N, C-alpha and C. Protein backbone atom coordinates (compact mmCIF):
# COMPACT_ATOMS: atom_id res chain seq x y z
N MET A 1 32.20 -24.86 -21.99
CA MET A 1 32.91 -25.12 -20.77
C MET A 1 32.79 -23.94 -19.81
N ARG A 2 32.84 -22.75 -20.35
CA ARG A 2 32.76 -21.55 -19.53
C ARG A 2 31.41 -21.47 -18.80
N ALA A 3 30.34 -21.88 -19.42
CA ALA A 3 29.02 -21.85 -18.80
C ALA A 3 28.97 -22.74 -17.57
N MET A 4 29.67 -23.83 -17.58
CA MET A 4 29.67 -24.74 -16.44
C MET A 4 30.40 -24.14 -15.26
N ARG A 5 31.42 -23.35 -15.48
CA ARG A 5 32.17 -22.73 -14.40
C ARG A 5 31.38 -21.60 -13.76
N SER A 6 30.60 -20.85 -14.51
CA SER A 6 29.90 -19.71 -13.96
C SER A 6 28.64 -20.10 -13.20
N ALA A 7 28.09 -21.25 -13.40
CA ALA A 7 26.89 -21.65 -12.66
C ALA A 7 27.16 -21.74 -11.15
N PRO A 8 28.23 -22.40 -10.68
CA PRO A 8 28.51 -22.42 -9.24
C PRO A 8 28.84 -21.03 -8.72
N HIS A 9 29.52 -20.25 -9.55
CA HIS A 9 29.87 -18.89 -9.16
C HIS A 9 28.60 -18.05 -8.94
N CYS A 10 27.64 -18.17 -9.84
CA CYS A 10 26.36 -17.45 -9.70
C CYS A 10 25.59 -17.93 -8.47
N ALA A 11 25.64 -19.23 -8.23
CA ALA A 11 24.94 -19.77 -7.06
C ALA A 11 25.54 -19.22 -5.78
N ARG A 12 26.87 -19.08 -5.73
CA ARG A 12 27.52 -18.50 -4.55
C ARG A 12 27.13 -17.03 -4.38
N LYS A 13 27.07 -16.30 -5.47
CA LYS A 13 26.67 -14.88 -5.40
C LYS A 13 25.24 -14.75 -4.88
N ILE A 14 24.37 -15.59 -5.37
CA ILE A 14 22.97 -15.55 -4.92
C ILE A 14 22.88 -15.90 -3.44
N ALA A 15 23.59 -16.93 -3.03
CA ALA A 15 23.57 -17.34 -1.61
C ALA A 15 24.13 -16.23 -0.73
N LEU A 16 25.20 -15.58 -1.17
CA LEU A 16 25.78 -14.49 -0.40
C LEU A 16 24.82 -13.31 -0.32
N SER A 17 24.18 -12.99 -1.43
CA SER A 17 23.20 -11.90 -1.43
C SER A 17 22.05 -12.18 -0.47
N MET A 18 21.57 -13.40 -0.46
CA MET A 18 20.47 -13.77 0.43
C MET A 18 20.91 -13.70 1.89
N ALA A 19 22.15 -14.11 2.18
CA ALA A 19 22.66 -14.06 3.55
C ALA A 19 22.79 -12.61 4.02
N VAL A 20 23.27 -11.73 3.14
CA VAL A 20 23.38 -10.31 3.50
C VAL A 20 22.00 -9.71 3.75
N ALA A 21 21.04 -10.02 2.90
CA ALA A 21 19.68 -9.51 3.07
C ALA A 21 19.08 -9.99 4.39
N ALA A 22 19.30 -11.26 4.73
CA ALA A 22 18.78 -11.79 5.99
C ALA A 22 19.43 -11.10 7.18
N ALA A 23 20.73 -10.84 7.10
CA ALA A 23 21.43 -10.17 8.20
C ALA A 23 20.93 -8.74 8.38
N ILE A 24 20.74 -8.02 7.29
CA ILE A 24 20.22 -6.65 7.37
C ILE A 24 18.82 -6.65 7.97
N SER A 25 18.01 -7.59 7.56
CA SER A 25 16.65 -7.70 8.10
C SER A 25 16.66 -7.97 9.60
N ALA A 26 17.53 -8.86 10.03
CA ALA A 26 17.62 -9.21 11.46
C ALA A 26 18.10 -8.01 12.28
N ILE A 27 19.06 -7.27 11.76
CA ILE A 27 19.56 -6.08 12.47
C ILE A 27 18.46 -5.04 12.57
N GLY A 28 17.72 -4.84 11.50
CA GLY A 28 16.61 -3.87 11.52
C GLY A 28 15.56 -4.22 12.55
N CYS A 29 15.23 -5.48 12.68
CA CYS A 29 14.23 -5.92 13.66
C CYS A 29 14.74 -5.75 15.08
N ALA A 30 16.02 -5.94 15.28
CA ALA A 30 16.59 -5.86 16.63
C ALA A 30 16.66 -4.43 17.14
N THR A 31 16.68 -3.44 16.25
CA THR A 31 16.82 -2.06 16.68
C THR A 31 15.49 -1.33 16.83
N GLN A 32 14.38 -1.94 16.50
CA GLN A 32 13.09 -1.30 16.64
C GLN A 32 12.72 -1.18 18.10
N GLN A 33 12.01 -0.09 18.44
CA GLN A 33 11.55 0.11 19.80
C GLN A 33 10.44 -0.88 20.11
N PRO A 34 10.51 -1.55 21.25
CA PRO A 34 9.43 -2.47 21.61
C PRO A 34 8.18 -1.69 22.01
N ILE A 35 7.04 -2.27 21.76
CA ILE A 35 5.78 -1.67 22.20
C ILE A 35 5.63 -1.98 23.67
N VAL A 36 5.41 -0.94 24.45
CA VAL A 36 5.29 -1.09 25.90
C VAL A 36 3.82 -1.22 26.25
N ALA A 37 3.45 -2.34 26.84
CA ALA A 37 2.08 -2.54 27.27
C ALA A 37 1.96 -2.06 28.71
N ARG A 38 1.11 -1.06 28.93
CA ARG A 38 0.92 -0.51 30.28
C ARG A 38 -0.56 -0.30 30.49
N ASP A 39 -0.97 -0.32 31.75
CA ASP A 39 -2.39 -0.08 31.99
C ASP A 39 -2.67 1.43 31.92
N ASP A 40 -3.91 1.75 31.69
CA ASP A 40 -4.32 3.13 31.44
C ASP A 40 -4.03 4.06 32.62
N SER A 41 -4.22 3.59 33.83
CA SER A 41 -3.98 4.47 34.99
C SER A 41 -2.50 4.81 35.12
N ALA A 42 -1.61 3.86 34.81
CA ALA A 42 -0.17 4.14 34.85
C ALA A 42 0.20 5.17 33.79
N ILE A 43 -0.38 5.06 32.61
CA ILE A 43 -0.11 6.03 31.54
C ILE A 43 -0.61 7.41 31.96
N THR A 44 -1.84 7.49 32.47
CA THR A 44 -2.40 8.77 32.91
C THR A 44 -1.52 9.42 33.97
N ASN A 45 -1.11 8.63 34.95
CA ASN A 45 -0.27 9.17 36.03
C ASN A 45 1.07 9.66 35.50
N GLU A 46 1.66 8.93 34.57
CA GLU A 46 2.95 9.36 34.04
C GLU A 46 2.82 10.61 33.19
N VAL A 47 1.77 10.70 32.38
CA VAL A 47 1.57 11.92 31.57
C VAL A 47 1.39 13.12 32.49
N ARG A 48 0.59 12.96 33.54
CA ARG A 48 0.41 14.07 34.51
C ARG A 48 1.74 14.47 35.15
N ALA A 49 2.53 13.49 35.56
CA ALA A 49 3.83 13.79 36.18
C ALA A 49 4.75 14.49 35.20
N ARG A 50 4.76 14.06 33.95
CA ARG A 50 5.60 14.70 32.95
C ARG A 50 5.13 16.13 32.67
N LEU A 51 3.83 16.35 32.65
CA LEU A 51 3.30 17.71 32.46
C LEU A 51 3.70 18.60 33.62
N ASN A 52 3.62 18.09 34.84
CA ASN A 52 4.01 18.88 36.01
C ASN A 52 5.50 19.20 36.03
N ALA A 53 6.31 18.34 35.44
CA ALA A 53 7.76 18.55 35.41
C ALA A 53 8.19 19.43 34.24
N ASP A 54 7.31 19.65 33.28
CA ASP A 54 7.66 20.43 32.10
C ASP A 54 7.58 21.93 32.38
N PRO A 55 8.64 22.68 32.07
CA PRO A 55 8.63 24.11 32.36
C PRO A 55 7.59 24.90 31.55
N VAL A 56 7.17 24.38 30.42
CA VAL A 56 6.17 25.08 29.60
C VAL A 56 4.76 24.78 30.07
N ALA A 57 4.48 23.53 30.42
CA ALA A 57 3.11 23.11 30.71
C ALA A 57 2.80 22.95 32.19
N ASN A 58 3.76 23.17 33.09
CA ASN A 58 3.54 22.82 34.49
C ASN A 58 2.48 23.65 35.20
N ASP A 59 2.22 24.87 34.79
CA ASP A 59 1.20 25.69 35.45
C ASP A 59 -0.18 25.58 34.81
N ALA A 60 -0.28 24.87 33.72
CA ALA A 60 -1.54 24.78 32.98
C ALA A 60 -2.51 23.83 33.67
N LYS A 61 -3.77 24.12 33.52
CA LYS A 61 -4.84 23.26 34.03
C LYS A 61 -5.26 22.32 32.90
N ILE A 62 -4.54 21.21 32.78
CA ILE A 62 -4.78 20.24 31.71
C ILE A 62 -5.32 18.96 32.32
N THR A 63 -6.42 18.47 31.75
CA THR A 63 -6.97 17.20 32.21
C THR A 63 -6.38 16.08 31.35
N VAL A 64 -6.17 14.94 31.98
CA VAL A 64 -5.59 13.78 31.29
C VAL A 64 -6.42 12.56 31.61
N ALA A 65 -6.79 11.82 30.59
CA ALA A 65 -7.48 10.54 30.76
C ALA A 65 -6.92 9.59 29.70
N THR A 66 -6.97 8.30 29.99
CA THR A 66 -6.44 7.31 29.05
C THR A 66 -7.41 6.16 28.93
N LYS A 67 -7.64 5.73 27.70
CA LYS A 67 -8.46 4.54 27.46
C LYS A 67 -7.80 3.71 26.38
N GLU A 68 -7.42 2.48 26.74
CA GLU A 68 -6.79 1.53 25.82
C GLU A 68 -5.57 2.13 25.12
N GLY A 69 -4.75 2.87 25.88
CA GLY A 69 -3.53 3.45 25.34
C GLY A 69 -3.70 4.76 24.61
N LYS A 70 -4.94 5.24 24.48
CA LYS A 70 -5.21 6.52 23.84
C LYS A 70 -5.37 7.58 24.93
N VAL A 71 -4.54 8.63 24.87
CA VAL A 71 -4.57 9.69 25.87
C VAL A 71 -5.48 10.81 25.37
N PHE A 72 -6.35 11.27 26.27
CA PHE A 72 -7.25 12.38 25.98
C PHE A 72 -6.81 13.57 26.82
N LEU A 73 -6.45 14.66 26.14
CA LEU A 73 -6.05 15.88 26.82
C LEU A 73 -7.15 16.91 26.69
N GLY A 74 -7.41 17.63 27.78
CA GLY A 74 -8.44 18.66 27.77
C GLY A 74 -8.02 19.84 28.62
N GLY A 75 -8.82 20.87 28.59
CA GLY A 75 -8.56 22.05 29.38
C GLY A 75 -8.41 23.28 28.52
N HIS A 76 -7.98 24.37 29.18
CA HIS A 76 -7.82 25.65 28.51
C HIS A 76 -6.47 26.22 28.91
N VAL A 77 -5.66 26.61 27.94
CA VAL A 77 -4.32 27.13 28.21
C VAL A 77 -4.15 28.50 27.56
N ALA A 78 -3.11 29.21 27.99
CA ALA A 78 -2.89 30.57 27.52
C ALA A 78 -2.30 30.65 26.12
N THR A 79 -1.47 29.68 25.74
CA THR A 79 -0.80 29.76 24.44
C THR A 79 -0.83 28.42 23.71
N ASP A 80 -0.62 28.53 22.41
CA ASP A 80 -0.54 27.33 21.59
C ASP A 80 0.71 26.51 21.93
N ALA A 81 1.77 27.17 22.41
CA ALA A 81 3.00 26.46 22.79
C ALA A 81 2.74 25.48 23.92
N VAL A 82 1.90 25.87 24.87
CA VAL A 82 1.56 24.97 25.98
C VAL A 82 0.79 23.77 25.45
N ARG A 83 -0.15 24.03 24.56
CA ARG A 83 -0.96 22.96 23.96
C ARG A 83 -0.05 21.97 23.22
N ASP A 84 0.87 22.50 22.41
CA ASP A 84 1.78 21.65 21.65
C ASP A 84 2.72 20.86 22.56
N SER A 85 3.20 21.50 23.62
CA SER A 85 4.09 20.83 24.56
C SER A 85 3.38 19.66 25.24
N ALA A 86 2.14 19.89 25.64
CA ALA A 86 1.37 18.83 26.30
C ALA A 86 1.15 17.64 25.36
N GLU A 87 0.86 17.93 24.11
CA GLU A 87 0.65 16.84 23.14
C GLU A 87 1.95 16.07 22.91
N ARG A 88 3.07 16.78 22.78
CA ARG A 88 4.37 16.12 22.59
C ARG A 88 4.69 15.22 23.78
N ILE A 89 4.46 15.74 24.99
CA ILE A 89 4.75 14.96 26.19
C ILE A 89 3.91 13.69 26.22
N ALA A 90 2.64 13.81 25.89
CA ALA A 90 1.76 12.63 25.88
C ALA A 90 2.24 11.61 24.86
N HIS A 91 2.57 12.06 23.66
CA HIS A 91 3.05 11.14 22.61
C HIS A 91 4.33 10.42 23.02
N GLU A 92 5.20 11.09 23.76
CA GLU A 92 6.49 10.51 24.15
C GLU A 92 6.41 9.58 25.35
N THR A 93 5.27 9.51 25.98
CA THR A 93 5.10 8.65 27.16
C THR A 93 4.98 7.19 26.74
N PRO A 94 5.77 6.30 27.34
CA PRO A 94 5.69 4.88 26.98
C PRO A 94 4.29 4.31 27.18
N GLY A 95 3.85 3.52 26.21
CA GLY A 95 2.54 2.87 26.27
C GLY A 95 1.45 3.64 25.55
N VAL A 96 1.72 4.88 25.14
CA VAL A 96 0.71 5.70 24.46
C VAL A 96 0.69 5.33 22.98
N HIS A 97 -0.52 5.00 22.49
CA HIS A 97 -0.69 4.65 21.09
C HIS A 97 -1.10 5.87 20.26
N SER A 98 -1.91 6.75 20.86
CA SER A 98 -2.36 7.94 20.15
C SER A 98 -2.81 8.98 21.18
N VAL A 99 -2.95 10.23 20.71
CA VAL A 99 -3.34 11.32 21.58
C VAL A 99 -4.48 12.09 20.94
N ASP A 100 -5.53 12.33 21.71
CA ASP A 100 -6.65 13.19 21.29
C ASP A 100 -6.49 14.49 22.05
N ASN A 101 -5.99 15.51 21.38
CA ASN A 101 -5.71 16.79 22.02
C ASN A 101 -6.87 17.76 21.83
N SER A 102 -7.68 17.91 22.87
CA SER A 102 -8.81 18.84 22.84
C SER A 102 -8.54 20.08 23.68
N ILE A 103 -7.29 20.35 23.96
CA ILE A 103 -6.92 21.53 24.75
C ILE A 103 -7.19 22.77 23.90
N ARG A 104 -7.83 23.77 24.52
CA ARG A 104 -8.09 25.03 23.82
C ARG A 104 -7.14 26.09 24.35
N PHE A 105 -6.80 27.05 23.50
CA PHE A 105 -5.91 28.12 23.92
C PHE A 105 -6.48 29.47 23.50
N GLY A 106 -6.01 30.51 24.14
CA GLY A 106 -6.44 31.88 23.85
C GLY A 106 -7.77 32.19 24.52
N ASN A 107 -8.32 33.34 24.15
CA ASN A 107 -9.62 33.76 24.74
C ASN A 107 -10.79 33.29 23.95
């Protein structure tokens, strides 16, 4: 008799567990950052503007080009900090998928 009572109880536990898992999954999907689709010229212009506004990289002669969401950085800078700042700025720009940092520093 006891086995008959626990079968519905187990079914309710399983259903509740599945509902909780589905809710957690839905919340996780809702909080992810959306991928921003932007054209390459808009990305290039924004990276340049962000570099010009950055106190570390604003005086550097850095070239910026974008192809299919990949940003290419070039030029020569005085310190590794400027190089790292430029790469960080490019990565944080919406629409950027990857960064190819070819900036050189030092003598």
